[in-house]
Amino acid sequence: MSKFIVIYHVRAPYMQMMQEMGATQEDMQGQMQAWMEWAGRCGDGLPEMGGPMVENLKLTNEGSFPSDKGVVGYSILEAADMAAAQAMLEGHPHLGLDPSCEIEVHQVMQMPGG
């Protein structure tokens, strides 16, 4: 099995976006339920669901700055290959939040002795 890091992007912090959309507490609970259903479909292939990002920094040689990448969360997947990881993400509820929502998938290279 290979390991994949899944990174969730959105145009604004999640709670701010939900407020702008006029989301109710029931809407947010429904969104969480959709995430839990997705996690259930992944089974053991989702060893870490991750969580919402609350503060993001970009570190450079010049110092640290607020990140502008729009990263709002992450997950760790285990799958046979990138195609299998992509299949696990089909119908992911994050993509239905807003047209600006994106998901990145990065395969982790196995290191010797790791």
PDB file of N, CA and C in Angstrom:
ATOM      1  N   MET A   1       0.836  -1.194   0.000  1.00  0.00           N
ATOM      2  CA  MET A   1       0.000   0.000   0.000  1.00  0.00           C
ATOM      3  C   MET A   1       0.871   1.243   0.000  1.00  0.00           C
ATOM      4  N   SER A   2       0.430   2.234  -0.724  1.00  0.00           N
ATOM      5  CA  SER A   2       1.099   3.524  -0.735  1.00  0.00           C
ATOM      6  C   SER A   2       0.305   4.503   0.114  1.00  0.00           C
ATOM      7  N   LYS A   3       1.006   5.514   0.596  1.00  0.00           N
ATOM      8  CA  LYS A   3       0.384   6.549   1.418  1.00  0.00           C
ATOM      9  C   LYS A   3       0.200   7.801   0.566  1.00  0.00           C
ATOM     10  N   PHE A   4      -0.940   8.466   0.774  1.00  0.00           N
ATOM     11  CA  PHE A   4      -1.270   9.684   0.039  1.00  0.00           C
ATOM     12  C   PHE A   4      -1.710  10.763   1.018  1.00  0.00           C
ATOM     13  N   ILE A   5      -1.219  11.969   0.791  1.00  0.00           N
ATOM     14  CA  ILE A   5      -1.669  13.118   1.564  1.00  0.00           C
ATOM     15  C   ILE A   5      -2.690  13.854   0.715  1.00  0.00           C
ATOM     16  N   VAL A   6      -3.848  14.070   1.275  1.00  0.00           N
ATOM     17  CA  VAL A   6      -4.945  14.767   0.592  1.00  0.00           C
ATOM     18  C   VAL A   6      -5.051  16.148   1.236  1.00  0.00           C
ATOM     19  N   ILE A   7      -5.036  17.183   0.404  1.00  0.00           N
ATOM     20  CA  ILE A   7      -5.103  18.560   0.897  1.00  0.00           C
ATOM     21  C   ILE A   7      -6.357  19.206   0.329  1.00  0.00           C
ATOM     22  N   TYR A   8      -7.144  19.791   1.227  1.00  0.00           N
ATOM     23  CA  TYR A   8      -8.398  20.435   0.842  1.00  0.00           C
ATOM     24  C   TYR A   8      -8.199  21.947   0.770  1.00  0.00           C
ATOM     25  N   HIS A   9      -8.616  22.538  -0.350  1.00  0.00           N
ATOM     26  CA  HIS A   9      -8.503  23.977  -0.565  1.00  0.00           C
ATOM     27  C   HIS A   9      -9.893  24.587  -0.717  1.00  0.00           C
ATOM     28  N   VAL A  10     -10.029  25.844  -0.285  1.00  0.00           N
ATOM     29  CA  VAL A  10     -11.257  26.606  -0.491  1.00  0.00           C
ATOM     30  C   VAL A  10     -10.881  28.086  -0.499  1.00  0.00           C
ATOM     31  N   ARG A  11     -11.717  28.920  -1.090  1.00  0.00           N
ATOM     32  CA  ARG A  11     -11.398  30.339  -1.270  1.00  0.00           C
ATOM     33  C   ARG A  11     -11.361  31.142   0.014  1.00  0.00           C
ATOM     34  N   ALA A  12     -12.058  30.711   1.041  1.00  0.00           N
ATOM     35  CA  ALA A  12     -12.117  31.446   2.306  1.00  0.00           C
ATOM     36  C   ALA A  12     -12.167  30.440   3.440  1.00  0.00           C
ATOM     37  N   PRO A  13     -11.825  30.856   4.653  1.00  0.00           N
ATOM     38  CA  PRO A  13     -11.972  29.918   5.771  1.00  0.00           C
ATOM     39  C   PRO A  13     -13.377  29.323   5.799  1.00  0.00           C
ATOM     40  N   TYR A  14     -13.462  28.039   6.114  1.00  0.00           N
ATOM     41  CA  TYR A  14     -14.713  27.287   6.023  1.00  0.00           C
ATOM     42  C   TYR A  14     -15.869  27.964   6.748  1.00  0.00           C
ATOM     43  N   MET A  15     -15.664  28.341   7.985  1.00  0.00           N
ATOM     44  CA  MET A  15     -16.770  28.922   8.745  1.00  0.00           C
ATOM     45  C   MET A  15     -17.232  30.244   8.131  1.00  0.00           C
ATOM     46  N   GLN A  16     -16.287  31.047   7.659  1.00  0.00           N
ATOM     47  CA  GLN A  16     -16.641  32.311   7.005  1.00  0.00           C
ATOM     48  C   GLN A  16     -17.457  32.031   5.743  1.00  0.00           C
ATOM     49  N   MET A  17     -17.025  31.028   4.954  1.00  0.00           N
ATOM     50  CA  MET A  17     -17.742  30.689   3.732  1.00  0.00           C
ATOM     51  C   MET A  17     -19.156  30.203   4.053  1.00  0.00           C
ATOM     52  N   MET A  18     -19.291  29.368   5.084  1.00  0.00           N
ATOM     53  CA  MET A  18     -20.610  28.871   5.441  1.00  0.00           C
ATOM     54  C   MET A  18     -21.522  30.016   5.892  1.00  0.00           C
ATOM     55  N   GLN A  19     -20.974  30.980   6.618  1.00  0.00           N
ATOM     56  CA  GLN A  19     -21.762  32.138   7.044  1.00  0.00           C
ATOM     57  C   GLN A  19     -22.203  32.961   5.845  1.00  0.00           C
ATOM     58  N   GLU A  20     -21.293  33.161   4.894  1.00  0.00           N
ATOM     59  CA  GLU A  20     -21.629  33.921   3.686  1.00  0.00           C
ATOM     60  C   GLU A  20     -22.743  33.245   2.903  1.00  0.00           C
ATOM     61  N   MET A  21     -22.768  31.918   2.942  1.00  0.00           N
ATOM     62  CA  MET A  21     -23.796  31.163   2.226  1.00  0.00           C
ATOM     63  C   MET A  21     -25.096  31.099   3.022  1.00  0.00           C
ATOM     64  N   GLY A  22     -25.088  31.626   4.255  1.00  0.00           N
ATOM     65  CA  GLY A  22     -26.282  31.583   5.090  1.00  0.00           C
ATOM     66  C   GLY A  22     -26.566  30.205   5.648  1.00  0.00           C
ATOM     67  N   ALA A  23     -25.511  29.404   5.844  1.00  0.00           N
ATOM     68  CA  ALA A  23     -25.681  28.040   6.325  1.00  0.00           C
ATOM     69  C   ALA A  23     -26.192  28.026   7.763  1.00  0.00           C
ATOM     70  N   THR A  24     -27.100  27.128   8.025  1.00  0.00           N
ATOM     71  CA  THR A  24     -27.636  26.932   9.374  1.00  0.00           C
ATOM     72  C   THR A  24     -26.829  25.849  10.087  1.00  0.00           C
ATOM     73  N   GLN A  25     -27.078  25.690  11.366  1.00  0.00           N
ATOM     74  CA  GLN A  25     -26.433  24.616  12.134  1.00  0.00           C
ATOM     75  C   GLN A  25     -26.776  23.263  11.516  1.00  0.00           C
ATOM     76  N   GLU A  26     -28.011  23.114  11.037  1.00  0.00           N
ATOM     77  CA  GLU A  26     -28.424  21.857  10.401  1.00  0.00           C
ATOM     78  C   GLU A  26     -27.637  21.615   9.111  1.00  0.00           C
ATOM     79  N   ASP A  27     -27.378  22.688   8.347  1.00  0.00           N
ATOM     80  CA  ASP A  27     -26.578  22.556   7.127  1.00  0.00           C
ATOM     81  C   ASP A  27     -25.184  22.033   7.459  1.00  0.00           C
ATOM     82  N   MET A  28     -24.571  22.607   8.502  1.00  0.00           N
ATOM     83  CA  MET A  28     -23.219  22.196   8.886  1.00  0.00           C
ATOM     84  C   MET A  28     -23.210  20.764   9.413  1.00  0.00           C
ATOM     85  N   GLN A  29     -24.255  20.370  10.134  1.00  0.00           N
ATOM     86  CA  GLN A  29     -24.348  18.986  10.611  1.00  0.00           C
ATOM     87  C   GLN A  29     -24.515  18.042   9.430  1.00  0.00           C
ATOM     88  N   GLY A  30     -25.283  18.460   8.428  1.00  0.00           N
ATOM     89  CA  GLY A  30     -25.452  17.647   7.227  1.00  0.00           C
ATOM     90  C   GLY A  30     -24.141  17.483   6.484  1.00  0.00           C
ATOM     91  N   GLN A  31     -23.346  18.541   6.436  1.00  0.00           N
ATOM     92  CA  GLN A  31     -22.040  18.475   5.785  1.00  0.00           C
ATOM     93  C   GLN A  31     -21.125  17.515   6.542  1.00  0.00           C
ATOM     94  N   MET A  32     -21.165  17.578   7.862  1.00  0.00           N
ATOM     95  CA  MET A  32     -20.346  16.658   8.657  1.00  0.00           C
ATOM     96  C   MET A  32     -20.802  15.221   8.455  1.00  0.00           C
ATOM     97  N   GLN A  33     -22.095  15.012   8.345  1.00  0.00           N
ATOM     98  CA  GLN A  33     -22.615  13.667   8.093  1.00  0.00           C
ATOM     99  C   GLN A  33     -22.113  13.149   6.748  1.00  0.00           C
ATOM    100  N   ALA A  34     -22.083  14.013   5.742  1.00  0.00           N
ATOM    101  CA  ALA A  34     -21.576  13.610   4.423  1.00  0.00           C
ATOM    102  C   ALA A  34     -20.106  13.198   4.511  1.00  0.00           C
ATOM    103  N   TRP A  35     -19.316  13.932   5.297  1.00  0.00           N
ATOM    104  CA  TRP A  35     -17.907  13.577   5.497  1.00  0.00           C
ATOM    105  C   TRP A  35     -17.798  12.221   6.189  1.00  0.00           C
ATOM    106  N   MET A  36     -18.628  11.979   7.186  1.00  0.00           N
ATOM    107  CA  MET A  36     -18.565  10.717   7.919  1.00  0.00           C
ATOM    108  C   MET A  36     -18.959   9.548   7.013  1.00  0.00           C
ATOM    109  N   GLU A  37     -19.930   9.771   6.130  1.00  0.00           N
ATOM    110  CA  GLU A  37     -20.314   8.726   5.174  1.00  0.00           C
ATOM    111  C   GLU A  37     -19.163   8.435   4.219  1.00  0.00           C
ATOM    112  N   TRP A  38     -18.489   9.498   3.741  1.00  0.00           N
ATOM    113  CA  TRP A  38     -17.317   9.301   2.878  1.00  0.00           C
ATOM    114  C   TRP A  38     -16.251   8.501   3.628  1.00  0.00           C
ATOM    115  N   ALA A  39     -15.980   8.881   4.878  1.00  0.00           N
ATOM    116  CA  ALA A  39     -14.973   8.173   5.679  1.00  0.00           C
ATOM    117  C   ALA A  39     -15.342   6.701   5.834  1.00  0.00           C
ATOM    118  N   GLY A  40     -16.617   6.422   6.031  1.00  0.00           N
ATOM    119  CA  GLY A  40     -17.074   5.048   6.158  1.00  0.00           C
ATOM    120  C   GLY A  40     -16.831   4.241   4.896  1.00  0.00           C
ATOM    121  N   ARG A  41     -17.028   4.871   3.733  1.00  0.00           N
ATOM    122  CA  ARG A  41     -16.770   4.185   2.461  1.00  0.00           C
ATOM    123  C   ARG A  41     -15.291   3.862   2.295  1.00  0.00           C
ATOM    124  N   CYS A  42     -14.414   4.705   2.848  1.00  0.00           N
ATOM    125  CA  CYS A  42     -12.962   4.491   2.726  1.00  0.00           C
ATOM    126  C   CYS A  42     -12.475   3.379   3.636  1.00  0.00           C
ATOM    127  N   GLY A  43     -13.151   3.179   4.750  1.00  0.00           N
ATOM    128  CA  GLY A  43     -12.765   2.123   5.680  1.00  0.00           C
ATOM    129  C   GLY A  43     -11.323   2.266   6.149  1.00  0.00           C
ATOM    130  N   ASP A  44     -10.582   1.153   6.123  1.00  0.00           N
ATOM    131  CA  ASP A  44      -9.198   1.133   6.588  1.00  0.00           C
ATOM    132  C   ASP A  44      -8.267   1.939   5.688  1.00  0.00           C
ATOM    133  N   GLY A  45      -8.730   2.314   4.495  1.00  0.00           N
ATOM    134  CA  GLY A  45      -7.915   3.114   3.587  1.00  0.00           C
ATOM    135  C   GLY A  45      -7.805   4.569   4.011  1.00  0.00           C
ATOM    136  N   LEU A  46      -8.483   4.931   5.113  1.00  0.00           N
ATOM    137  CA  LEU A  46      -8.436   6.295   5.644  1.00  0.00           C
ATOM    138  C   LEU A  46      -7.929   6.226   7.091  1.00  0.00           C
ATOM    139  N   PRO A  47      -6.603   6.046   7.275  1.00  0.00           N
ATOM    140  CA  PRO A  47      -6.097   5.936   8.640  1.00  0.00           C
ATOM    141  C   PRO A  47      -6.146   7.249   9.421  1.00  0.00           C
ATOM    142  N   GLU A  48      -6.226   8.368   8.706  1.00  0.00           N
ATOM    143  CA  GLU A  48      -6.310   9.658   9.385  1.00  0.00           C
ATOM    144  C   GLU A  48      -7.190  10.605   8.567  1.00  0.00           C
ATOM    145  N   MET A  49      -8.355  10.941   9.111  1.00  0.00           N
ATOM    146  CA  MET A  49      -9.267  11.844   8.419  1.00  0.00           C
ATOM    147  C   MET A  49      -8.755  13.272   8.449  1.00  0.00           C
ATOM    148  N   GLY A  50      -7.950  13.606   9.449  1.00  0.00           N
ATOM    149  CA  GLY A  50      -7.449  14.969   9.568  1.00  0.00           C
ATOM    150  C   GLY A  50      -8.497  15.864  10.179  1.00  0.00           C
ATOM    151  N   GLY A  51      -8.276  17.134  10.066  1.00  0.00           N
ATOM    152  CA  GLY A  51      -9.208  18.080  10.646  1.00  0.00           C
ATOM    153  C   GLY A  51      -9.067  19.434  10.000  1.00  0.00           C
ATOM    154  N   PRO A  52      -9.953  20.342  10.332  1.00  0.00           N
ATOM    155  CA  PRO A  52      -9.882  21.679   9.762  1.00  0.00           C
ATOM    156  C   PRO A  52      -8.608  22.396  10.204  1.00  0.00           C
ATOM    157  N   MET A  53      -8.040  23.167   9.303  1.00  0.00           N
ATOM    158  CA  MET A  53      -6.876  23.993   9.616  1.00  0.00           C
ATOM    159  C   MET A  53      -7.377  25.304  10.197  1.00  0.00           C
ATOM    160  N   VAL A  54      -6.780  25.739  11.295  1.00  0.00           N
ATOM    161  CA  VAL A  54      -7.244  26.958  11.941  1.00  0.00           C
ATOM    162  C   VAL A  54      -6.257  28.111  11.812  1.00  0.00           C
ATOM    163  N   GLU A  55      -5.004  27.832  11.507  1.00  0.00           N
ATOM    164  CA  GLU A  55      -4.012  28.889  11.303  1.00  0.00           C
ATOM    165  C   GLU A  55      -2.950  28.355  10.355  1.00  0.00           C
ATOM    166  N   ASN A  56      -2.629  29.122   9.319  1.00  0.00           N
ATOM    167  CA  ASN A  56      -1.668  28.686   8.319  1.00  0.00           C
ATOM    168  C   ASN A  56      -0.593  29.750   8.125  1.00  0.00           C
ATOM    169  N   LEU A  57       0.660  29.338   8.196  1.00  0.00           N
ATOM    170  CA  LEU A  57       1.773  30.242   7.968  1.00  0.00           C
ATOM    171  C   LEU A  57       2.621  29.762   6.808  1.00  0.00           C
ATOM    172  N   LYS A  58       3.203  30.719   6.107  1.00  0.00           N
ATOM    173  CA  LYS A  58       4.202  30.446   5.078  1.00  0.00           C
ATOM    174  C   LYS A  58       5.529  30.935   5.647  1.00  0.00           C
ATOM    175  N   LEU A  59       6.524  30.054   5.707  1.00  0.00           N
ATOM    176  CA  LEU A  59       7.838  30.407   6.229  1.00  0.00           C
ATOM    177  C   LEU A  59       8.811  30.559   5.067  1.00  0.00           C
ATOM    178  N   THR A  60       9.538  31.655   5.055  1.00  0.00           N
ATOM    179  CA  THR A  60      10.539  31.910   4.022  1.00  0.00           C
ATOM    180  C   THR A  60      11.818  32.403   4.694  1.00  0.00           C
ATOM    181  N   ASN A  61      12.859  32.629   3.917  1.00  0.00           N
ATOM    182  CA  ASN A  61      14.095  33.200   4.458  1.00  0.00           C
ATOM    183  C   ASN A  61      13.871  34.610   4.978  1.00  0.00           C
ATOM    184  N   GLU A  62      12.832  35.279   4.503  1.00  0.00           N
ATOM    185  CA  GLU A  62      12.525  36.641   4.940  1.00  0.00           C
ATOM    186  C   GLU A  62      11.650  36.679   6.190  1.00  0.00           C
ATOM    187  N   GLY A  63      11.129  35.555   6.623  1.00  0.00           N
ATOM    188  CA  GLY A  63      10.281  35.521   7.806  1.00  0.00           C
ATOM    189  C   GLY A  63       9.053  34.666   7.604  1.00  0.00           C
ATOM    190  N   SER A  64       8.046  34.893   8.445  1.00  0.00           N
ATOM    191  CA  SER A  64       6.796  34.132   8.350  1.00  0.00           C
ATOM    192  C   SER A  64       5.655  35.082   8.012  1.00  0.00           C
ATOM    193  N   PHE A  65       4.717  34.561   7.216  1.00  0.00           N
ATOM    194  CA  PHE A  65       3.603  35.348   6.712  1.00  0.00           C
ATOM    195  C   PHE A  65       2.354  34.470   6.693  1.00  0.00           C
ATOM    196  N   PRO A  66       1.163  35.054   6.768  1.00  0.00           N
ATOM    197  CA  PRO A  66      -0.043  34.244   6.614  1.00  0.00           C
ATOM    198  C   PRO A  66      -0.032  33.559   5.237  1.00  0.00           C
ATOM    199  N   SER A  67      -0.374  32.297   5.226  1.00  0.00           N
ATOM    200  CA  SER A  67      -0.423  31.554   3.961  1.00  0.00           C
ATOM    201  C   SER A  67      -1.619  32.000   3.139  1.00  0.00           C
ATOM    202  N   ASP A  68      -1.427  32.062   1.835  1.00  0.00           N
ATOM    203  CA  ASP A  68      -2.502  32.431   0.919  1.00  0.00           C
ATOM    204  C   ASP A  68      -2.930  31.251   0.052  1.00  0.00           C
ATOM    205  N   LYS A  69      -2.623  30.040   0.474  1.00  0.00           N
ATOM    206  CA  LYS A  69      -2.903  28.840  -0.325  1.00  0.00           C
ATOM    207  C   LYS A  69      -4.333  28.331  -0.176  1.00  0.00           C
ATOM    208  N   GLY A  70      -5.085  28.817   0.803  1.00  0.00           N
ATOM    209  CA  GLY A  70      -6.462  28.375   0.973  1.00  0.00           C
ATOM    210  C   GLY A  70      -6.599  26.953   1.486  1.00  0.00           C
ATOM    211  N   VAL A  71      -5.591  26.444   2.178  1.00  0.00           N
ATOM    212  CA  VAL A  71      -5.661  25.092   2.730  1.00  0.00           C
ATOM    213  C   VAL A  71      -6.554  25.113   3.961  1.00  0.00           C
ATOM    214  N   VAL A  72      -7.577  24.254   3.953  1.00  0.00           N
ATOM    215  CA  VAL A  72      -8.518  24.217   5.071  1.00  0.00           C
ATOM    216  C   VAL A  72      -8.566  22.863   5.783  1.00  0.00           C
ATOM    217  N   GLY A  73      -7.842  21.866   5.257  1.00  0.00           N
ATOM    218  CA  GLY A  73      -7.844  20.565   5.897  1.00  0.00           C
ATOM    219  C   GLY A  73      -6.971  19.574   5.161  1.00  0.00           C
ATOM    220  N   TYR A  74      -6.854  18.382   5.732  1.00  0.00           N
ATOM    221  CA  TYR A  74      -6.060  17.315   5.132  1.00  0.00           C
ATOM    222  C   TYR A  74      -6.613  15.962   5.554  1.00  0.00           C
ATOM    223  N   SER A  75      -6.225  14.944   4.826  1.00  0.00           N
ATOM    224  CA  SER A  75      -6.485  13.559   5.203  1.00  0.00           C
ATOM    225  C   SER A  75      -5.295  12.734   4.751  1.00  0.00           C
ATOM    226  N   ILE A  76      -5.151  11.561   5.314  1.00  0.00           N
ATOM    227  CA  ILE A  76      -4.152  10.584   4.886  1.00  0.00           C
ATOM    228  C   ILE A  76      -4.911   9.375   4.358  1.00  0.00           C
ATOM    229  N   LEU A  77      -4.582   8.977   3.144  1.00  0.00           N
ATOM    230  CA  LEU A  77      -5.177   7.776   2.546  1.00  0.00           C
ATOM    231  C   LEU A  77      -4.106   6.719   2.344  1.00  0.00           C
ATOM    232  N   GLU A  78      -4.523   5.471   2.336  1.00  0.00           N
ATOM    233  CA  GLU A  78      -3.664   4.361   1.935  1.00  0.00           C
ATOM    234  C   GLU A  78      -4.381   3.643   0.802  1.00  0.00           C
ATOM    235  N   ALA A  79      -3.670   3.494  -0.319  1.00  0.00           N
ATOM    236  CA  ALA A  79      -4.261   2.863  -1.501  1.00  0.00           C
ATOM    237  C   ALA A  79      -3.160   2.190  -2.311  1.00  0.00           C
ATOM    238  N   ALA A  80      -3.554   1.325  -3.227  1.00  0.00           N
ATOM    239  CA  ALA A  80      -2.593   0.594  -4.049  1.00  0.00           C
ATOM    240  C   ALA A  80      -1.798   1.524  -4.953  1.00  0.00           C
ATOM    241  N   ASP A  81      -2.462   2.550  -5.503  1.00  0.00           N
ATOM    242  CA  ASP A  81      -1.800   3.484  -6.417  1.00  0.00           C
ATOM    243  C   ASP A  81      -2.631   4.760  -6.520  1.00  0.00           C
ATOM    244  N   MET A  82      -2.164   5.715  -7.334  1.00  0.00           N
ATOM    245  CA  MET A  82      -2.851   6.995  -7.455  1.00  0.00           C
ATOM    246  C   MET A  82      -4.272   6.820  -7.993  1.00  0.00           C
ATOM    247  N   ALA A  83      -4.470   5.909  -8.918  1.00  0.00           N
ATOM    248  CA  ALA A  83      -5.818   5.691  -9.457  1.00  0.00           C
ATOM    249  C   ALA A  83      -6.769   5.214  -8.362  1.00  0.00           C
ATOM    250  N   ALA A  84      -6.291   4.337  -7.499  1.00  0.00           N
ATOM    251  CA  ALA A  84      -7.130   3.850  -6.397  1.00  0.00           C
ATOM    252  C   ALA A  84      -7.408   4.969  -5.398  1.00  0.00           C
ATOM    253  N   ALA A  85      -6.417   5.813  -5.128  1.00  0.00           N
ATOM    254  CA  ALA A  85      -6.629   6.948  -4.227  1.00  0.00           C
ATOM    255  C   ALA A  85      -7.655   7.908  -4.827  1.00  0.00           C
ATOM    256  N   GLN A  86      -7.527   8.166  -6.117  1.00  0.00           N
ATOM    257  CA  GLN A  86      -8.477   9.053  -6.794  1.00  0.00           C
ATOM    258  C   GLN A  86      -9.887   8.472  -6.734  1.00  0.00           C
ATOM    259  N   ALA A  87     -10.015   7.181  -6.903  1.00  0.00           N
ATOM    260  CA  ALA A  87     -11.330   6.535  -6.840  1.00  0.00           C
ATOM    261  C   ALA A  87     -11.943   6.692  -5.448  1.00  0.00           C
ATOM    262  N   MET A  88     -11.113   6.659  -4.401  1.00  0.00           N
ATOM    263  CA  MET A  88     -11.617   6.833  -3.040  1.00  0.00           C
ATOM    264  C   MET A  88     -12.175   8.237  -2.829  1.00  0.00           C
ATOM    265  N   LEU A  89     -11.695   9.193  -3.608  1.00  0.00           N
ATOM    266  CA  LEU A  89     -12.120  10.589  -3.462  1.00  0.00           C
ATOM    267  C   LEU A  89     -13.295  10.969  -4.355  1.00  0.00           C
ATOM    268  N   GLU A  90     -13.762  10.047  -5.202  1.00  0.00           N
ATOM    269  CA  GLU A  90     -14.917  10.333  -6.065  1.00  0.00           C
ATOM    270  C   GLU A  90     -16.134  10.649  -5.209  1.00  0.00           C
ATOM    271  N   GLY A  91     -16.835  11.715  -5.558  1.00  0.00           N
ATOM    272  CA  GLY A  91     -18.023  12.108  -4.828  1.00  0.00           C
ATOM    273  C   GLY A  91     -17.737  12.704  -3.462  1.00  0.00           C
ATOM    274  N   HIS A  92     -16.496  13.145  -3.233  1.00  0.00           N
ATOM    275  CA  HIS A  92     -16.135  13.695  -1.923  1.00  0.00           C
ATOM    276  C   HIS A  92     -16.977  14.932  -1.619  1.00  0.00           C
ATOM    277  N   PRO A  93     -17.516  15.035  -0.401  1.00  0.00           N
ATOM    278  CA  PRO A  93     -18.400  16.156  -0.070  1.00  0.00           C
ATOM    279  C   PRO A  93     -17.722  17.524  -0.115  1.00  0.00           C
ATOM    280  N   HIS A  94     -16.402  17.586   0.023  1.00  0.00           N
ATOM    281  CA  HIS A  94     -15.710  18.879  -0.027  1.00  0.00           C
ATOM    282  C   HIS A  94     -15.944  19.571  -1.361  1.00  0.00           C
ATOM    283  N   LEU A  95     -15.994  18.796  -2.442  1.00  0.00           N
ATOM    284  CA  LEU A  95     -16.145  19.392  -3.776  1.00  0.00           C
ATOM    285  C   LEU A  95     -17.530  19.978  -4.004  1.00  0.00           C
ATOM    286  N   GLY A  96     -18.499  19.623  -3.171  1.00  0.00           N
ATOM    287  CA  GLY A  96     -19.847  20.157  -3.313  1.00  0.00           C
ATOM    288  C   GLY A  96     -20.108  21.410  -2.508  1.00  0.00           C
ATOM    289  N   LEU A  97     -19.134  21.865  -1.709  1.00  0.00           N
ATOM    290  CA  LEU A  97     -19.344  23.054  -0.872  1.00  0.00           C
ATOM    291  C   LEU A  97     -19.471  24.330  -1.680  1.00  0.00           C
ATOM    292  N   ASP A  98     -18.576  24.505  -2.637  1.00  0.00           N
ATOM    293  CA  ASP A  98     -18.454  25.770  -3.356  1.00  0.00           C
ATOM    294  C   ASP A  98     -17.666  25.490  -4.630  1.00  0.00           C
ATOM    295  N   PRO A  99     -17.926  26.202  -5.723  1.00  0.00           N
ATOM    296  CA  PRO A  99     -17.152  25.957  -6.952  1.00  0.00           C
ATOM    297  C   PRO A  99     -15.646  26.166  -6.787  1.00  0.00           C
ATOM    298  N   SER A 100     -15.224  26.930  -5.783  1.00  0.00           N
ATOM    299  CA  SER A 100     -13.793  27.164  -5.583  1.00  0.00           C
ATOM    300  C   SER A 100     -13.105  26.036  -4.821  1.00  0.00           C
ATOM    301  N   CYS A 101     -13.855  25.066  -4.319  1.00  0.00           N
ATOM    302  CA  CYS A 101     -13.259  23.980  -3.540  1.00  0.00           C
ATOM    303  C   CYS A 101     -12.463  23.054  -4.443  1.00  0.00           C
ATOM    304  N   GLU A 102     -11.286  22.698  -3.977  1.00  0.00           N
ATOM    305  CA  GLU A 102     -10.403  21.791  -4.713  1.00  0.00           C
ATOM    306  C   GLU A 102      -9.802  20.786  -3.752  1.00  0.00           C
ATOM    307  N   ILE A 103      -9.381  19.659  -4.310  1.00  0.00           N
ATOM    308  CA  ILE A 103      -8.670  18.637  -3.546  1.00  0.00           C
ATOM    309  C   ILE A 103      -7.377  18.324  -4.286  1.00  0.00           C
ATOM    310  N   GLU A 104      -6.272  18.300  -3.565  1.00  0.00           N
ATOM    311  CA  GLU A 104      -4.995  17.853  -4.113  1.00  0.00           C
ATOM    312  C   GLU A 104      -4.667  16.505  -3.491  1.00  0.00           C
ATOM    313  N   VAL A 105      -4.043  15.633  -4.265  1.00  0.00           N
ATOM    314  CA  VAL A 105      -3.609  14.331  -3.773  1.00  0.00           C
ATOM    315  C   VAL A 105      -2.125  14.192  -4.091  1.00  0.00           C
ATOM    316  N   HIS A 106      -1.322  13.877  -3.076  1.00  0.00           N
ATOM    317  CA  HIS A 106       0.118  13.731  -3.244  1.00  0.00           C
ATOM    318  C   HIS A 106       0.538  12.367  -2.729  1.00  0.00           C
ATOM    319  N   GLN A 107       1.185  11.573  -3.591  1.00  0.00           N
ATOM    320  CA  GLN A 107       1.691  10.277  -3.161  1.00  0.00           C
ATOM    321  C   GLN A 107       2.995  10.486  -2.401  1.00  0.00           C
ATOM    322  N   VAL A 108       3.121   9.820  -1.261  1.00  0.00           N
ATOM    323  CA  VAL A 108       4.321   9.908  -0.439  1.00  0.00           C
ATOM    324  C   VAL A 108       5.306   8.847  -0.906  1.00  0.00           C
ATOM    325  N   MET A 109       6.519   9.266  -1.247  1.00  0.00           N
ATOM    326  CA  MET A 109       7.550   8.325  -1.693  1.00  0.00           C
ATOM    327  C   MET A 109       8.059   7.524  -0.504  1.00  0.00           C
ATOM    328  N   GLN A 110       8.127   6.220  -0.674  1.00  0.00           N
ATOM    329  CA  GLN A 110       8.663   5.364   0.375  1.00  0.00           C
ATOM    330  C   GLN A 110      10.160   5.623   0.514  1.00  0.00           C
ATOM    331  N   MET A 111      10.599   5.850   1.736  1.00  0.00           N
ATOM    332  CA  MET A 111      12.019   6.083   2.001  1.00  0.00           C
ATOM    333  C   MET A 111      12.647   4.795   2.517  1.00  0.00           C
ATOM    334  N   PRO A 112      13.913   4.562   2.177  1.00  0.00           N
ATOM    335  CA  PRO A 112      14.592   3.354   2.693  1.00  0.00           C
ATOM    336  C   PRO A 112      14.558   3.340   4.224  1.00  0.00           C
ATOM    337  N   GLY A 113      14.241   2.178   4.768  1.00  0.00           N
ATOM    338  CA  GLY A 113      14.214   2.023   6.216  1.00  0.00           C
ATOM    339  C   GLY A 113      12.976   2.583   6.871  1.00  0.00           C
ATOM    340  N   GLY A 114      12.012   3.089   6.049  1.00  0.00           N
ATOM    341  CA  GLY A 114      10.826   3.719   6.629  1.00  0.00           C
ATOM    342  C   GLY A 114       9.640   2.860   6.706  1.00  0.00           C
TER     343      GLY A 114
END
